[in-house]
PDB file of N, CA and C in Angstrom:
ATOM      1  N   UNK A   1      78.927  52.384  46.359  1.00  0.00           N
ATOM      2  CA  UNK A   1      77.959  52.961  46.502  1.00  0.00           C
ATOM      3  C   UNK A   1      78.067  54.920  46.892  1.00  0.00           C
ATOM      4  N   UNK A   2      79.074  55.917  46.132  1.00  0.00           N
ATOM      5  CA  UNK A   2      78.619  56.698  46.904  1.00  0.00           C
ATOM      6  C   UNK A   2      77.395  57.531  46.821  1.00  0.00           C
ATOM      7  N   UNK A   3      77.249  58.807  47.174  1.00  0.00           N
ATOM      8  CA  UNK A   3      76.245  59.328  47.240  1.00  0.00           C
ATOM      9  C   UNK A   3      75.855  60.220  45.653  1.00  0.00           C
ATOM     10  N   UNK A   4      74.969  60.341  45.443  1.00  0.00           N
ATOM     11  CA  UNK A   4      75.244  61.422  43.615  1.00  0.00           C
ATOM     12  C   UNK A   4      75.102  62.431  44.403  1.00  0.00           C
ATOM     13  N   UNK A   5      74.623  62.788  44.941  1.00  0.00           N
ATOM     14  CA  UNK A   5      75.558  64.498  45.591  1.00  0.00           C
ATOM     15  C   UNK A   5      76.319  64.655  46.317  1.00  0.00           C
ATOM     16  N   UNK A   6      76.512  64.069  47.122  1.00  0.00           N
ATOM     17  CA  UNK A   6      78.118  63.078  48.163  1.00  0.00           C
ATOM     18  C   UNK A   6      77.875  63.612  49.589  1.00  0.00           C
ATOM     19  N   UNK A   7      76.705  64.392  49.567  1.00  0.00           N
ATOM     20  CA  UNK A   7      76.564  63.775  51.315  1.00  0.00           C
ATOM     21  C   UNK A   7      75.960  63.017  52.119  1.00  0.00           C
ATOM     22  N   UNK A   8      76.224  62.437  52.968  1.00  0.00           N
ATOM     23  CA  UNK A   8      76.368  61.869  54.455  1.00  0.00           C
ATOM     24  C   UNK A   8      76.335  62.186  55.702  1.00  0.00           C
ATOM     25  N   UNK A   9      75.534  61.471  56.335  1.00  0.00           N
ATOM     26  CA  UNK A   9      75.436  62.216  57.922  1.00  0.00           C
ATOM     27  C   UNK A   9      75.879  61.200  58.771  1.00  0.00           C
ATOM     28  N   UNK A  10      76.575  62.740  59.780  1.00  0.00           N
ATOM     29  CA  UNK A  10      77.738  61.505  60.907  1.00  0.00           C
ATOM     30  C   UNK A  10      76.672  62.178  62.453  1.00  0.00           C
ATOM     31  N   UNK A  11      76.413  60.687  63.086  1.00  0.00           N
ATOM     32  CA  UNK A  11      75.924  60.792  63.976  1.00  0.00           C
ATOM     33  C   UNK A  11      77.026  60.065  65.515  1.00  0.00           C
ATOM     34  N   UNK A  12      76.688  61.661  66.287  1.00  0.00           N
ATOM     35  CA  UNK A  12      77.168  61.179  67.679  1.00  0.00           C
ATOM     36  C   UNK A  12      76.986  61.060  68.280  1.00  0.00           C
ATOM     37  N   UNK A  13      77.149  59.944  69.282  1.00  0.00           N
ATOM     38  CA  UNK A  13      76.565  59.824  70.728  1.00  0.00           C
ATOM     39  C   UNK A  13      76.968  58.921  72.082  1.00  0.00           C
ATOM     40  N   UNK A  14      76.878  59.895  73.030  1.00  0.00           N
ATOM     41  CA  UNK A  14      78.036  59.204  74.567  1.00  0.00           C
ATOM     42  C   UNK A  14      77.831  60.423  75.372  1.00  0.00           C
ATOM     43  N   UNK A  15      78.520  60.234  75.928  1.00  0.00           N
ATOM     44  CA  UNK A  15      78.209  61.135  77.836  1.00  0.00           C
ATOM     45  C   UNK A  15      79.522  62.427  77.269  1.00  0.00           C
ATOM     46  N   UNK A  16      78.719  63.276  77.743  1.00  0.00           N
ATOM     47  CA  UNK A  16      79.459  64.583  77.612  1.00  0.00           C
ATOM     48  C   UNK A  16      80.710  65.012  78.098  1.00  0.00           C
ATOM     49  N   UNK A  17      81.799  65.526  77.105  1.00  0.00           N
ATOM     50  CA  UNK A  17      83.136  65.867  77.618  1.00  0.00           C
ATOM     51  C   UNK A  17      84.013  66.687  76.522  1.00  0.00           C
ATOM     52  N   UNK A  18      84.803  67.313  77.277  1.00  0.00           N
ATOM     53  CA  UNK A  18      85.989  68.426  75.879  1.00  0.00           C
ATOM     54  C   UNK A  18      86.317  67.673  74.873  1.00  0.00           C
ATOM     55  N   UNK A  19      86.305  67.867  73.857  1.00  0.00           N
ATOM     56  CA  UNK A  19      87.075  67.738  72.948  1.00  0.00           C
ATOM     57  C   UNK A  19      86.601  67.098  71.655  1.00  0.00           C
ATOM     58  N   UNK A  20      84.817  67.103  71.901  1.00  0.00           N
ATOM     59  CA  UNK A  20      83.866  65.857  70.716  1.00  0.00           C
ATOM     60  C   UNK A  20      84.261  66.533  69.570  1.00  0.00           C
ATOM     61  N   UNK A  21      83.393  67.801  69.776  1.00  0.00           N
ATOM     62  CA  UNK A  21      83.098  68.447  67.833  1.00  0.00           C
ATOM     63  C   UNK A  21      84.863  68.447  67.684  1.00  0.00           C
ATOM     64  N   UNK A  22      85.484  68.928  68.178  1.00  0.00           N
ATOM     65  CA  UNK A  22      86.806  69.100  67.879  1.00  0.00           C
ATOM     66  C   UNK A  22      87.673  67.450  67.040  1.00  0.00           C
ATOM     67  N   UNK A  23      87.134  66.814  67.862  1.00  0.00           N
ATOM     68  CA  UNK A  23      87.573  65.680  67.378  1.00  0.00           C
ATOM     69  C   UNK A  23      87.843  65.552  66.151  1.00  0.00           C
ATOM     70  N   UNK A  24      85.893  64.919  66.265  1.00  0.00           N
ATOM     71  CA  UNK A  24      85.083  64.345  65.439  1.00  0.00           C
ATOM     72  C   UNK A  24      85.303  65.499  63.765  1.00  0.00           C
ATOM     73  N   UNK A  25      85.224  67.167  64.053  1.00  0.00           N
ATOM     74  CA  UNK A  25      85.387  67.602  63.452  1.00  0.00           C
ATOM     75  C   UNK A  25      86.883  67.910  62.557  1.00  0.00           C
ATOM     76  N   UNK A  26      87.765  67.039  62.916  1.00  0.00           N
ATOM     77  CA  UNK A  26      89.274  67.253  62.979  1.00  0.00           C
ATOM     78  C   UNK A  26      89.318  65.911  62.303  1.00  0.00           C
ATOM     79  N   UNK A  27      88.704  65.130  61.854  1.00  0.00           N
ATOM     80  CA  UNK A  27      88.917  63.708  61.283  1.00  0.00           C
ATOM     81  C   UNK A  27      88.773  64.735  59.806  1.00  0.00           C
ATOM     82  N   UNK A  28      87.067  64.891  59.558  1.00  0.00           N
ATOM     83  CA  UNK A  28      86.497  65.529  58.865  1.00  0.00           C
ATOM     84  C   UNK A  28      87.228  66.725  58.125  1.00  0.00           C
ATOM     85  N   UNK A  29      88.136  67.279  59.065  1.00  0.00           N
ATOM     86  CA  UNK A  29      88.835  68.409  57.838  1.00  0.00           C
ATOM     87  C   UNK A  29      90.567  68.100  57.034  1.00  0.00           C
ATOM     88  N   UNK A  30      90.893  66.787  58.008  1.00  0.00           N
ATOM     89  CA  UNK A  30      91.739  66.593  57.669  1.00  0.00           C
ATOM     90  C   UNK A  30      91.928  65.513  55.957  1.00  0.00           C
ATOM     91  N   UNK A  31      90.090  65.418  55.999  1.00  0.00           N
ATOM     92  CA  UNK A  31      90.394  63.755  55.051  1.00  0.00           C
ATOM     93  C   UNK A  31      89.319  64.509  54.273  1.00  0.00           C
ATOM     94  N   UNK A  32      89.229  66.764  54.107  1.00  0.00           N
ATOM     95  CA  UNK A  32      88.816  67.284  53.177  1.00  0.00           C
ATOM     96  C   UNK A  32      87.552  67.198  52.904  1.00  0.00           C
ATOM     97  N   UNK A  33      87.063  66.867  54.051  1.00  0.00           N
ATOM     98  CA  UNK A  33      84.847  66.817  54.256  1.00  0.00           C
ATOM     99  C   UNK A  33      84.626  67.835  54.504  1.00  0.00           C
ATOM    100  N   UNK A  34      83.686  68.536  54.088  1.00  0.00           N
ATOM    101  CA  UNK A  34      83.057  69.923  54.129  1.00  0.00           C
ATOM    102  C   UNK A  34      82.119  69.387  55.505  1.00  0.00           C
ATOM    103  N   UNK A  35      81.683  70.268  55.917  1.00  0.00           N
ATOM    104  CA  UNK A  35      79.890  70.020  57.325  1.00  0.00           C
ATOM    105  C   UNK A  35      79.589  71.346  56.934  1.00  0.00           C
ATOM    106  N   UNK A  36      78.377  70.737  56.566  1.00  0.00           N
ATOM    107  CA  UNK A  36      77.846  70.964  55.849  1.00  0.00           C
ATOM    108  C   UNK A  36      76.675  72.020  56.502  1.00  0.00           C
ATOM    109  N   UNK A  37      76.253  71.272  57.759  1.00  0.00           N
ATOM    110  CA  UNK A  37      75.357  71.692  58.601  1.00  0.00           C
ATOM    111  C   UNK A  37      75.266  70.805  60.117  1.00  0.00           C
ATOM    112  N   UNK A  38      75.065  70.822  61.148  1.00  0.00           N
ATOM    113  CA  UNK A  38      75.595  70.685  62.107  1.00  0.00           C
ATOM    114  C   UNK A  38      74.598  71.097  63.435  1.00  0.00           C
ATOM    115  N   UNK A  39      73.876  69.864  63.842  1.00  0.00           N
ATOM    116  CA  UNK A  39      73.597  70.209  65.326  1.00  0.00           C
ATOM    117  C   UNK A  39      73.304  69.411  66.229  1.00  0.00           C
ATOM    118  N   UNK A  40      73.611  69.491  67.561  1.00  0.00           N
ATOM    119  CA  UNK A  40      74.322  69.451  68.433  1.00  0.00           C
ATOM    120  C   UNK A  40      73.135  69.939  69.754  1.00  0.00           C
ATOM    121  N   UNK A  41      73.667  68.523  70.997  1.00  0.00           N
ATOM    122  CA  UNK A  41      72.815  69.160  72.257  1.00  0.00           C
ATOM    123  C   UNK A  41      73.191  68.254  73.918  1.00  0.00           C
ATOM    124  N   UNK A  42      73.410  68.777  74.380  1.00  0.00           N
ATOM    125  CA  UNK A  42      73.334  68.169  75.541  1.00  0.00           C
ATOM    126  C   UNK A  42      72.371  67.669  76.356  1.00  0.00           C
ATOM    127  N   UNK A  43      71.730  66.415  76.698  1.00  0.00           N
ATOM    128  CA  UNK A  43      70.627  66.434  77.688  1.00  0.00           C
ATOM    129  C   UNK A  43      71.494  65.692  78.876  1.00  0.00           C
ATOM    130  N   UNK A  44      71.253  66.505  79.788  1.00  0.00           N
ATOM    131  CA  UNK A  44      71.754  66.245  81.584  1.00  0.00           C
ATOM    132  C   UNK A  44      73.690  66.003  80.765  1.00  0.00           C
ATOM    133  N   UNK A  45      74.403  64.605  81.544  1.00  0.00           N
ATOM    134  CA  UNK A  45      75.258  64.358  81.214  1.00  0.00           C
ATOM    135  C   UNK A  45      75.688  64.010  79.227  1.00  0.00           C
ATOM    136  N   UNK A  46      74.514  63.546  78.860  1.00  0.00           N
ATOM    137  CA  UNK A  46      74.500  62.626  77.573  1.00  0.00           C
ATOM    138  C   UNK A  46      75.286  63.641  76.494  1.00  0.00           C
ATOM    139  N   UNK A  47      75.727  63.302  75.219  1.00  0.00           N
ATOM    140  CA  UNK A  47      76.176  64.091  74.169  1.00  0.00           C
ATOM    141  C   UNK A  47      75.403  63.762  73.218  1.00  0.00           C
ATOM    142  N   UNK A  48      74.131  64.294  72.527  1.00  0.00           N
ATOM    143  CA  UNK A  48      74.150  63.938  70.868  1.00  0.00           C
ATOM    144  C   UNK A  48      73.962  64.742  69.570  1.00  0.00           C
ATOM    145  N   UNK A  49      75.239  64.707  68.667  1.00  0.00           N
ATOM    146  CA  UNK A  49      74.890  65.611  67.280  1.00  0.00           C
ATOM    147  C   UNK A  49      74.891  65.019  66.126  1.00  0.00           C
ATOM    148  N   UNK A  50      74.607  65.782  65.591  1.00  0.00           N
ATOM    149  CA  UNK A  50      74.570  64.959  64.592  1.00  0.00           C
ATOM    150  C   UNK A  50      75.192  66.030  62.973  1.00  0.00           C
ATOM    151  N   UNK A  51      75.458  65.897  61.617  1.00  0.00           N
ATOM    152  CA  UNK A  51      76.210  66.395  61.133  1.00  0.00           C
ATOM    153  C   UNK A  51      75.791  66.104  59.401  1.00  0.00           C
ATOM    154  N   UNK A  52      75.225  66.975  58.408  1.00  0.00           N
ATOM    155  CA  UNK A  52      75.689  66.624  56.871  1.00  0.00           C
ATOM    156  C   UNK A  52      76.999  67.141  56.718  1.00  0.00           C
ATOM    157  N   UNK A  53      77.394  66.663  56.221  1.00  0.00           N
ATOM    158  CA  UNK A  53      78.591  66.707  55.338  1.00  0.00           C
ATOM    159  C   UNK A  53      79.025  66.246  54.078  1.00  0.00           C
ATOM    160  N   UNK A  54      79.567  66.527  53.277  1.00  0.00           N
ATOM    161  CA  UNK A  54      80.117  66.654  51.759  1.00  0.00           C
ATOM    162  C   UNK A  54      81.519  65.610  51.686  1.00  0.00           C
ATOM    163  N   UNK A  55      80.973  64.959  51.019  1.00  0.00           N
ATOM    164  CA  UNK A  55      81.835  63.628  50.657  1.00  0.00           C
ATOM    165  C   UNK A  55      83.227  63.748  49.529  1.00  0.00           C
ATOM    166  N   UNK A  56      82.213  64.664  48.199  1.00  0.00           N
ATOM    167  CA  UNK A  56      82.545  65.166  47.200  1.00  0.00           C
ATOM    168  C   UNK A  56      84.034  65.136  46.937  1.00  0.00           C
ATOM    169  N   UNK A  57      84.786  65.566  47.473  1.00  0.00           N
ATOM    170  CA  UNK A  57      86.297  65.983  47.981  1.00  0.00           C
ATOM    171  C   UNK A  57      87.021  65.633  48.831  1.00  0.00           C
ATOM    172  N   UNK A  58      86.413  64.348  49.585  1.00  0.00           N
ATOM    173  CA  UNK A  58      87.238  63.590  50.855  1.00  0.00           C
ATOM    174  C   UNK A  58      88.209  63.025  49.891  1.00  0.00           C
ATOM    175  N   UNK A  59      89.347  63.021  50.773  1.00  0.00           N
ATOM    176  CA  UNK A  59      90.869  62.165  50.509  1.00  0.00           C
ATOM    177  C   UNK A  59      90.541  61.004  50.721  1.00  0.00           C
ATOM    178  N   UNK A  60      89.827  60.005  51.076  1.00  0.00           N
ATOM    179  CA  UNK A  60      89.616  58.549  51.243  1.00  0.00           C
ATOM    180  C   UNK A  60      88.035  58.391  50.668  1.00  0.00           C
ATOM    181  N   UNK A  61      88.161  56.853  50.893  1.00  0.00           N
ATOM    182  CA  UNK A  61      86.552  56.388  50.170  1.00  0.00           C
ATOM    183  C   UNK A  61      85.575  56.553  51.683  1.00  0.00           C
ATOM    184  N   UNK A  62      84.342  56.147  51.863  1.00  0.00           N
ATOM    185  CA  UNK A  62      83.429  55.471  52.364  1.00  0.00           C
ATOM    186  C   UNK A  62      83.756  55.402  53.472  1.00  0.00           C
ATOM    187  N   UNK A  63      84.401  54.279  53.692  1.00  0.00           N
ATOM    188  CA  UNK A  63      84.372  52.864  54.286  1.00  0.00           C
ATOM    189  C   UNK A  63      85.687  53.072  55.058  1.00  0.00           C
ATOM    190  N   UNK A  64      86.860  53.800  54.291  1.00  0.00           N
ATOM    191  CA  UNK A  64      88.132  54.294  55.501  1.00  0.00           C
ATOM    192  C   UNK A  64      87.509  55.457  56.269  1.00  0.00           C
ATOM    193  N   UNK A  65      87.198  56.244  55.903  1.00  0.00           N
ATOM    194  CA  UNK A  65      86.175  57.106  56.800  1.00  0.00           C
ATOM    195  C   UNK A  65      85.127  56.658  57.409  1.00  0.00           C
ATOM    196  N   UNK A  66      84.333  56.123  57.416  1.00  0.00           N
ATOM    197  CA  UNK A  66      83.545  55.330  58.587  1.00  0.00           C
ATOM    198  C   UNK A  66      84.757  54.812  59.142  1.00  0.00           C
ATOM    199  N   UNK A  67      85.813  53.810  58.956  1.00  0.00           N
ATOM    200  CA  UNK A  67      86.477  53.728  59.913  1.00  0.00           C
ATOM    201  C   UNK A  67      87.769  54.643  60.697  1.00  0.00           C
ATOM    202  N   UNK A  68      87.305  55.376  60.229  1.00  0.00           N
ATOM    203  CA  UNK A  68      89.038  56.842  61.070  1.00  0.00           C
ATOM    204  C   UNK A  68      87.559  57.512  61.772  1.00  0.00           C
ATOM    205  N   UNK A  69      86.483  57.455  61.669  1.00  0.00           N
ATOM    206  CA  UNK A  69      85.793  58.014  62.366  1.00  0.00           C
ATOM    207  C   UNK A  69      85.166  57.342  63.235  1.00  0.00           C
ATOM    208  N   UNK A  70      84.947  56.282  64.135  1.00  0.00           N
ATOM    209  CA  UNK A  70      84.981  55.139  64.726  1.00  0.00           C
ATOM    210  C   UNK A  70      85.934  55.617  65.576  1.00  0.00           C
ATOM    211  N   UNK A  71      87.233  55.169  65.069  1.00  0.00           N
ATOM    212  CA  UNK A  71      88.423  55.198  65.957  1.00  0.00           C
ATOM    213  C   UNK A  71      88.092  56.422  66.594  1.00  0.00           C
ATOM    214  N   UNK A  72      88.188  57.667  65.927  1.00  0.00           N
ATOM    215  CA  UNK A  72      88.723  58.856  66.904  1.00  0.00           C
ATOM    216  C   UNK A  72      87.057  58.618  67.824  1.00  0.00           C
ATOM    217  N   UNK A  73      86.060  57.971  67.715  1.00  0.00           N
ATOM    218  CA  UNK A  73      85.106  58.407  68.880  1.00  0.00           C
ATOM    219  C   UNK A  73      85.534  57.102  69.809  1.00  0.00           C
ATOM    220  N   UNK A  74      86.123  56.374  69.510  1.00  0.00           N
ATOM    221  CA  UNK A  74      86.709  55.378  70.644  1.00  0.00           C
ATOM    222  C   UNK A  74      87.572  55.993  71.631  1.00  0.00           C
ATOM    223  N   UNK A  75      88.642  56.957  70.507  1.00  0.00           N
ATOM    224  CA  UNK A  75      89.068  57.399  71.634  1.00  0.00           C
ATOM    225  C   UNK A  75      88.826  58.531  72.412  1.00  0.00           C
ATOM    226  N   UNK A  76      87.691  58.862  72.383  1.00  0.00           N
ATOM    227  CA  UNK A  76      86.685  60.385  72.630  1.00  0.00           C
ATOM    228  C   UNK A  76      85.570  60.021  73.883  1.00  0.00           C
ATOM    229  N   UNK A  77      85.760  58.210  73.284  1.00  0.00           N
ATOM    230  CA  UNK A  77      84.081  57.514  74.689  1.00  0.00           C
ATOM    231  C   UNK A  77      82.986  58.193  74.093  1.00  0.00           C
ATOM    232  N   UNK A  78      83.122  57.399  72.419  1.00  0.00           N
ATOM    233  CA  UNK A  78      81.935  58.119  72.210  1.00  0.00           C
ATOM    234  C   UNK A  78      81.303  56.866  71.047  1.00  0.00           C
ATOM    235  N   UNK A  79      80.194  57.201  70.696  1.00  0.00           N
ATOM    236  CA  UNK A  79      79.795  56.381  69.201  1.00  0.00           C
ATOM    237  C   UNK A  79      79.867  56.538  68.102  1.00  0.00           C
ATOM    238  N   UNK A  80      80.465  56.982  67.067  1.00  0.00           N
ATOM    239  CA  UNK A  80      80.541  57.625  65.535  1.00  0.00           C
ATOM    240  C   UNK A  80      80.151  57.138  65.157  1.00  0.00           C
ATOM    241  N   UNK A  81      79.179  57.258  63.875  1.00  0.00           N
ATOM    242  CA  UNK A  81      78.990  56.906  62.982  1.00  0.00           C
ATOM    243  C   UNK A  81      78.725  57.627  61.134  1.00  0.00           C
ATOM    244  N   UNK A  82      79.210  57.108  60.173  1.00  0.00           N
ATOM    245  CA  UNK A  82      78.522  57.201  59.331  1.00  0.00           C
ATOM    246  C   UNK A  82      77.975  57.052  58.069  1.00  0.00           C
ATOM    247  N   UNK A  83      77.025  57.348  57.285  1.00  0.00           N
ATOM    248  CA  UNK A  83      75.709  56.745  56.680  1.00  0.00           C
ATOM    249  C   UNK A  83      75.652  57.556  55.734  1.00  0.00           C
ATOM    250  N   UNK A  84      75.596  56.574  54.329  1.00  0.00           N
ATOM    251  CA  UNK A  84      75.170  57.986  53.338  1.00  0.00           C
ATOM    252  C   UNK A  84      74.067  58.287  53.715  1.00  0.00           C
ATOM    253  N   UNK A  85      73.069  60.047  53.132  1.00  0.00           N
ATOM    254  CA  UNK A  85      72.411  60.412  53.107  1.00  0.00           C
ATOM    255  C   UNK A  85      70.594  59.870  53.036  1.00  0.00           C
ATOM    256  N   UNK A  86      70.758  58.658  51.446  1.00  0.00           N
ATOM    257  CA  UNK A  86      70.022  58.283  51.504  1.00  0.00           C
ATOM    258  C   UNK A  86      69.476  57.482  52.388  1.00  0.00           C
ATOM    259  N   UNK A  87      70.315  55.969  52.833  1.00  0.00           N
ATOM    260  CA  UNK A  87      70.429  54.920  53.124  1.00  0.00           C
ATOM    261  C   UNK A  87      69.751  55.946  54.575  1.00  0.00           C
ATOM    262  N   UNK A  88      70.258  56.877  55.365  1.00  0.00           N
ATOM    263  CA  UNK A  88      69.936  57.698  56.578  1.00  0.00           C
ATOM    264  C   UNK A  88      68.277  57.890  56.517  1.00  0.00           C
ATOM    265  N   UNK A  89      67.967  58.211  55.561  1.00  0.00           N
ATOM    266  CA  UNK A  89      66.685  59.032  54.858  1.00  0.00           C
ATOM    267  C   UNK A  89      65.730  57.436  55.306  1.00  0.00           C
ATOM    268  N   UNK A  90      65.886  56.763  54.092  1.00  0.00           N
ATOM    269  CA  UNK A  90      65.224  55.989  54.257  1.00  0.00           C
ATOM    270  C   UNK A  90      64.964  54.952  55.090  1.00  0.00           C
ATOM    271  N   UNK A  91      66.234  55.010  56.106  1.00  0.00           N
ATOM    272  CA  UNK A  91      65.938  53.934  57.971  1.00  0.00           C
ATOM    273  C   UNK A  91      64.859  55.136  58.835  1.00  0.00           C
ATOM    274  N   UNK A  92      64.789  55.934  58.271  1.00  0.00           N
ATOM    275  CA  UNK A  92      64.399  57.294  59.536  1.00  0.00           C
ATOM    276  C   UNK A  92      62.519  58.050  58.861  1.00  0.00           C
ATOM    277  N   UNK A  93      62.141  57.123  57.467  1.00  0.00           N
ATOM    278  CA  UNK A  93      61.147  58.050  57.540  1.00  0.00           C
ATOM    279  C   UNK A  93      59.945  57.368  58.143  1.00  0.00           C
ATOM    280  N   UNK A  94      59.200  58.440  57.844  1.00  0.00           N
ATOM    281  CA  UNK A  94      57.325  57.671  58.810  1.00  0.00           C
ATOM    282  C   UNK A  94      56.691  57.085  58.147  1.00  0.00           C
TER     283      UNK A  94
END
C-alpha cells in the first residue's frame, strides 16, 4: 500500500548522542528518499525527531526501508519508525 502522494513519516526517539540525524538521513539518502520537512528537539538528555519524507523515487520498497531504518536505529541506540502519512494522520487525529 504505497502513499498516493508518496509521503511518509519517520519518527526517532531515544537518548541524545552524536550522529543520530546523520545516521537516519544517511539511510534515506542512500535509498533516494527525499526529506521534505524535519523537526527535532532535545528535552534534557532525550532526543525526538519527526520527518516528512517523499518515497516516490525510493530505490527500495516501504517494508525494506522500514527494516533499514530500524536497523540504523538499533546501531544508534534509538527507535526509528516509518509510517505511511495517512496512517500517521489517522492514528493522531483528535
